[in-house]
Amino acid sequence: MWETVDVARQDHYAVVALNRPDALNALNTQMARDIIAVMEELAGDIDVWAVALTGAGDRAFCVGTDLKERKDMTKDGMQRQRELFVKAFSAVQNFPKPIIAAVNGFAMGGGFELALCCDIIIASEEAFLGLPEVGLGIIPGGGGTQNLPRIIGKNKAKELIYTGRRITGQTAFEWGIANKVAQRGQLMAVTEELLKEITRNAPLSLQQAKRCIDFGTEIDLQAGLALEAEALNKCLYSEDRDEGLRAFNEKRKPQYQGR
């Protein structure tokens, strides 16, 4: 269905694979279009409660912008592509359901930024992550200067961005960028185990919890608490809340529907 992205659905989750392995899954114009379309479709799919984003093959998650495509572009062409890329990053950043980045191999530049747009990062022990843009005369433009400091603090983020240094998956874990490190060959097994753990829960609750965390931490405490109260009310009057109570009292697994 999409030229540069594959989607596999299982149970109540989907695995989205950036699929340009011969180009180390570099982000080009078509991939940006495909990411936007896929995120929109999965956001509206009531049977998908969580998503993983990864790269096809074992060499790279995504090495960032396809500079071969860009070398013959005019400045106007680059600006149009840039606007498309912003929409693609925003589609991941603002995806309303839990989304996990499963980082295999290289996640450089925009690839690292795509991972930072996700809620959770699981890195292979063979992963390398970095933001090398200043060495190319630009800066991270997919949210890197905003998301990374919010995760690891300004000083460490400045060190990584100013130097363009690559770090390993293990270092990413130690610095608080990655939630987990998967051993060789175990990345998707670890990721899918977490997806299954997440999707045992009520999908509306997952979405409202994500909304509260993402928006509530950017506003003052009282406004955040008001947002939380509003989100809780949406859950309290849902069919899934009724099902959760019934299942608890009947000592059985709940059958959530997302309503």
Protein backbone atom coordinates (compact mmCIF):
# COMPACT_ATOMS: atom_id res chain seq x y z
CA MET A 1 0.00 0.00 0.00
CA TRP A 2 2.90 2.37 0.82
CA GLU A 3 6.15 2.59 -1.13
CA THR A 4 8.58 3.08 1.73
CA VAL A 5 6.77 1.89 4.87
CA ASP A 6 5.46 -1.55 5.87
CA VAL A 7 2.75 -2.09 8.47
CA ALA A 8 2.08 -5.37 10.27
CA ARG A 9 -0.92 -5.63 12.58
CA GLN A 10 -1.19 -8.17 15.38
CA ASP A 11 -3.75 -8.36 18.16
CA HIS A 12 -4.26 -4.72 19.16
CA TYR A 13 -0.93 -3.27 18.03
CA ALA A 14 0.86 -2.46 14.80
CA VAL A 15 4.54 -2.50 13.85
CA VAL A 16 5.51 0.18 11.34
CA ALA A 17 8.82 -0.44 9.55
CA LEU A 18 10.62 2.26 7.58
CA ASN A 19 11.45 0.25 4.49
CA ARG A 20 14.37 1.56 2.49
CA PRO A 21 17.05 -0.80 3.82
CA ASP A 22 19.37 -0.33 0.84
CA ALA A 23 19.49 3.37 1.73
CA LEU A 24 19.72 2.63 5.48
CA ASN A 25 16.08 3.74 5.72
CA ALA A 26 17.03 7.34 4.93
CA LEU A 27 14.13 9.76 5.04
CA ASN A 28 13.14 10.95 1.57
CA THR A 29 10.12 12.79 0.22
CA GLN A 30 8.07 9.65 -0.38
CA MET A 31 8.83 8.24 3.05
CA ALA A 32 7.65 11.49 4.65
CA ARG A 33 4.39 11.21 2.72
CA ASP A 34 4.04 7.57 3.75
CA ILE A 35 4.69 8.30 7.44
CA ILE A 36 1.99 10.96 7.43
CA ALA A 37 -0.51 8.62 5.75
CA VAL A 38 0.30 5.64 7.99
CA MET A 39 0.07 7.62 11.22
CA GLU A 40 -3.27 9.06 10.14
CA GLU A 41 -4.64 5.62 9.30
CA LEU A 42 -3.46 4.01 12.53
CA ALA A 43 -4.73 6.92 14.62
CA GLY A 44 -8.19 6.27 13.24
CA ASP A 45 -8.06 2.47 13.50
CA ILE A 46 -10.04 1.53 16.61
CA ASP A 47 -8.47 -1.93 16.64
CA VAL A 48 -4.93 -0.54 16.99
CA TRP A 49 -4.20 0.56 20.54
CA ALA A 50 -0.42 0.98 20.36
CA VAL A 51 2.29 1.14 17.71
CA ALA A 52 5.98 0.38 17.32
CA LEU A 53 8.17 2.24 14.82
CA THR A 54 11.31 0.50 13.58
CA GLY A 55 13.57 0.18 10.55
CA ALA A 56 13.64 -2.65 8.02
CA GLY A 57 16.80 -4.74 8.06
CA ASP A 58 19.37 -4.90 10.81
CA ARG A 59 21.69 -2.06 9.80
CA ALA A 60 19.66 1.04 10.55
CA PHE A 61 16.56 2.46 12.15
CA CYS A 62 16.92 5.57 9.98
CA VAL A 63 20.05 7.55 9.10
CA GLY A 64 18.18 10.81 8.66
CA THR A 65 17.53 12.82 5.52
CA ASP A 66 18.41 11.27 2.18
CA LEU A 67 21.12 13.73 1.13
CA LYS A 68 21.46 12.09 -2.29
CA GLU A 69 17.88 13.11 -3.08
CA ARG A 70 18.54 16.60 -1.78
CA LYS A 71 21.81 17.33 -3.63
CA ASP A 72 20.13 18.55 -6.83
CA MET A 73 17.20 20.34 -5.17
CA THR A 74 16.71 24.06 -5.48
CA LYS A 75 16.32 26.06 -2.30
CA ASP A 76 12.60 26.30 -3.03
CA GLY A 77 12.46 22.52 -3.44
CA MET A 78 14.28 22.01 -0.15
CA GLN A 79 11.86 24.35 1.58
CA ARG A 80 8.87 22.42 0.25
CA GLN A 81 10.47 19.16 1.36
CA ARG A 82 11.25 20.69 4.73
CA GLU A 83 7.58 21.60 5.24
CA LEU A 84 6.63 18.00 4.40
CA PHE A 85 9.21 16.64 6.83
CA VAL A 86 7.83 18.84 9.61
CA LYS A 87 4.40 17.31 9.00
CA ALA A 88 5.90 13.80 9.15
CA PHE A 89 7.68 14.44 12.46
CA SER A 90 4.53 16.06 13.83
CA ALA A 91 2.48 13.02 12.80
CA VAL A 92 4.70 10.87 15.04
CA GLN A 93 5.06 13.45 17.83
CA ASN A 94 1.30 14.02 18.03
CA PHE A 95 0.18 10.43 17.46
CA PRO A 96 -2.62 9.98 20.03
CA LYS A 97 -1.80 6.40 21.04
CA PRO A 98 1.27 4.93 22.74
CA ILE A 99 4.14 4.63 20.27
CA ILE A 100 7.46 2.88 20.83
CA ALA A 101 10.63 3.40 18.81
CA ALA A 102 12.49 0.11 18.34
CA VAL A 103 15.94 1.34 17.36
CA ASN A 104 18.09 -1.11 15.44
CA GLY A 105 21.49 -0.05 14.09
CA PHE A 106 22.03 3.58 13.15
CA ALA A 107 19.57 6.29 14.23
CA MET A 108 21.23 9.43 13.03
CA GLY A 109 19.97 12.97 12.55
CA GLY A 110 16.31 12.85 11.58
CA GLY A 111 16.25 9.16 12.42
CA PHE A 112 17.20 9.87 16.02
CA GLU A 113 14.66 12.68 16.03
CA LEU A 114 11.90 10.33 14.86
CA ALA A 115 12.74 8.08 17.79
CA LEU A 116 12.66 11.06 20.16
CA CYS A 117 9.14 11.87 18.89
CA CYS A 118 7.96 8.52 20.28
CA ASP A 119 6.81 7.85 23.84
CA ILE A 120 9.31 5.11 24.61
CA ILE A 121 12.62 4.09 23.04
CA ILE A 122 13.96 0.56 23.09
CA ALA A 123 17.47 0.40 21.67
CA SER A 124 19.40 -2.59 20.46
CA GLU A 125 22.78 -3.02 22.10
CA GLU A 126 24.09 -2.61 18.54
CA ALA A 127 22.37 0.77 18.06
CA PHE A 128 24.18 4.04 17.46
CA LEU A 129 22.34 7.33 17.94
CA GLY A 130 23.44 10.85 17.16
CA LEU A 131 22.57 14.33 15.92
CA PRO A 132 25.41 15.28 13.53
CA GLU A 133 23.65 18.22 11.84
CA VAL A 134 26.02 20.97 13.01
CA GLY A 135 28.79 19.24 11.06
CA LEU A 136 26.72 19.74 7.91
CA GLY A 137 26.09 23.42 8.48
CA ILE A 138 22.55 23.02 9.84
CA ILE A 139 20.88 22.13 13.14
CA PRO A 140 18.50 19.33 14.16
CA GLY A 141 15.15 20.30 12.66
CA GLY A 142 12.87 17.40 13.54
CA GLY A 143 12.40 18.36 17.17
CA GLY A 144 15.85 17.36 18.38
CA THR A 145 16.68 20.69 20.01
CA GLN A 146 13.36 20.54 21.88
CA ASN A 147 12.74 16.88 22.69
CA LEU A 148 16.26 15.87 23.71
CA PRO A 149 16.72 18.57 26.40
CA ARG A 150 13.31 17.68 27.83
CA ILE A 151 14.46 14.08 28.23
CA ILE A 152 18.06 14.42 29.45
CA GLY A 153 18.39 18.07 30.42
CA LYS A 154 19.91 21.03 28.61
CA ASN A 155 23.57 20.43 29.38
CA LYS A 156 23.77 16.85 28.15
CA ALA A 157 21.64 17.69 25.12
CA LYS A 158 23.97 20.57 24.26
CA GLU A 159 26.96 18.24 24.52
CA LEU A 160 25.47 15.76 22.07
CA ILE A 161 24.24 18.42 19.64
CA TYR A 162 27.36 20.63 19.77
CA THR A 163 29.72 17.70 19.19
CA GLY A 164 27.55 15.65 16.83
CA ARG A 165 28.82 12.63 18.76
CA ARG A 166 27.37 9.15 18.31
CA ILE A 167 26.36 7.21 21.40
CA THR A 168 25.62 3.54 21.79
CA GLY A 169 22.31 2.02 22.79
CA GLN A 170 23.78 1.29 26.21
CA THR A 171 24.86 4.90 26.68
CA ALA A 172 21.41 6.04 25.53
CA PHE A 173 19.94 3.87 28.28
CA GLU A 174 22.36 5.17 30.90
CA TRP A 175 21.56 8.77 29.93
CA GLY A 176 17.82 8.17 30.14
CA ILE A 177 17.15 8.42 26.39
CA ALA A 178 16.30 4.74 25.95
CA ASN A 179 13.95 2.94 28.34
CA LYS A 180 15.47 -0.46 27.65
CA VAL A 181 18.41 -2.05 25.85
CA ALA A 182 17.74 -5.27 23.95
CA GLN A 183 20.39 -7.89 23.39
CA ARG A 184 21.49 -8.83 19.88
CA GLY A 185 18.59 -10.30 17.92
CA GLN A 186 16.06 -9.59 20.67
CA LEU A 187 14.91 -6.06 19.82
CA MET A 188 11.53 -6.90 18.34
CA ALA A 189 10.83 -9.62 20.91
CA VAL A 190 11.42 -7.11 23.72
CA THR A 191 9.37 -4.47 21.89
CA GLU A 192 6.42 -6.75 21.24
CA GLU A 193 6.45 -7.97 24.84
CA LEU A 194 6.03 -4.35 25.95
CA LEU A 195 3.33 -3.73 23.32
CA LYS A 196 1.38 -6.71 24.63
CA GLU A 197 1.74 -5.46 28.20
CA ILE A 198 0.46 -2.02 27.18
CA THR A 199 -2.45 -3.28 25.09
CA ARG A 200 -3.86 -5.38 27.90
CA ASN A 201 -5.18 -2.08 29.20
CA ALA A 202 -8.13 0.07 28.13
CA PRO A 203 -7.33 2.00 24.94
CA LEU A 204 -9.21 5.14 25.95
CA SER A 205 -7.33 5.18 29.23
CA LEU A 206 -4.01 4.85 27.40
CA GLN A 207 -4.85 7.76 25.12
CA GLN A 208 -6.05 10.00 27.93
CA ALA A 209 -3.02 9.18 30.08
CA LYS A 210 -0.73 10.05 27.15
CA ARG A 211 -2.59 13.32 26.58
CA CYS A 212 -2.27 14.28 30.24
CA ILE A 213 1.45 13.55 30.36
CA ASP A 214 2.31 15.19 27.04
CA PHE A 215 0.32 18.37 27.57
CA GLY A 216 0.13 18.52 31.34
CA THR A 217 3.88 18.66 31.84
CA GLU A 218 4.09 21.74 29.58
CA ILE A 219 1.64 23.83 31.64
CA ASP A 220 1.44 24.89 35.29
CA LEU A 221 0.42 22.36 37.92
CA GLN A 222 -3.12 23.61 38.50
CA ALA A 223 -3.88 23.61 34.78
CA GLY A 224 -2.36 20.15 34.55
CA LEU A 225 -4.55 18.86 37.36
CA ALA A 226 -7.60 20.33 35.61
CA LEU A 227 -6.59 18.54 32.42
CA GLU A 228 -6.22 15.30 34.38
CA ALA A 229 -9.67 15.69 35.93
CA GLU A 230 -11.22 16.25 32.52
CA ALA A 231 -9.45 13.19 31.13
CA LEU A 232 -10.52 11.03 34.06
CA ASN A 233 -14.16 12.02 33.54
CA LYS A 234 -13.95 10.88 29.93
CA CYS A 235 -12.79 7.48 31.16
CA LEU A 236 -15.29 7.23 34.04
CA TYR A 237 -18.28 7.44 31.72
CA SER A 238 -16.91 5.03 29.10
CA GLU A 239 -18.12 1.50 28.40
CA ASP A 240 -14.57 0.27 29.01
CA ARG A 241 -14.70 1.60 32.57
CA ASP A 242 -17.88 -0.42 33.16
CA GLU A 243 -16.24 -3.48 31.63
CA GLY A 244 -13.14 -3.02 33.77
CA LEU A 245 -15.22 -2.98 36.96
CA ARG A 246 -17.24 -6.02 35.88
CA ALA A 247 -14.09 -7.95 35.00
CA PHE A 248 -12.47 -7.07 38.32
CA ASN A 249 -15.46 -8.25 40.33
CA GLU A 250 -15.90 -11.36 38.19
CA LYS A 251 -12.17 -12.14 38.44
CA ARG A 252 -11.65 -12.37 34.69
CA LYS A 253 -9.70 -10.60 31.95
CA PRO A 254 -11.51 -7.49 30.70
CA GLN A 255 -12.65 -7.31 27.08
CA TYR A 256 -12.06 -3.70 26.17
CA GLN A 257 -13.56 -2.18 23.03
CA GLY A 258 -12.27 1.37 23.04
CA ARG A 259 -15.64 2.91 23.81
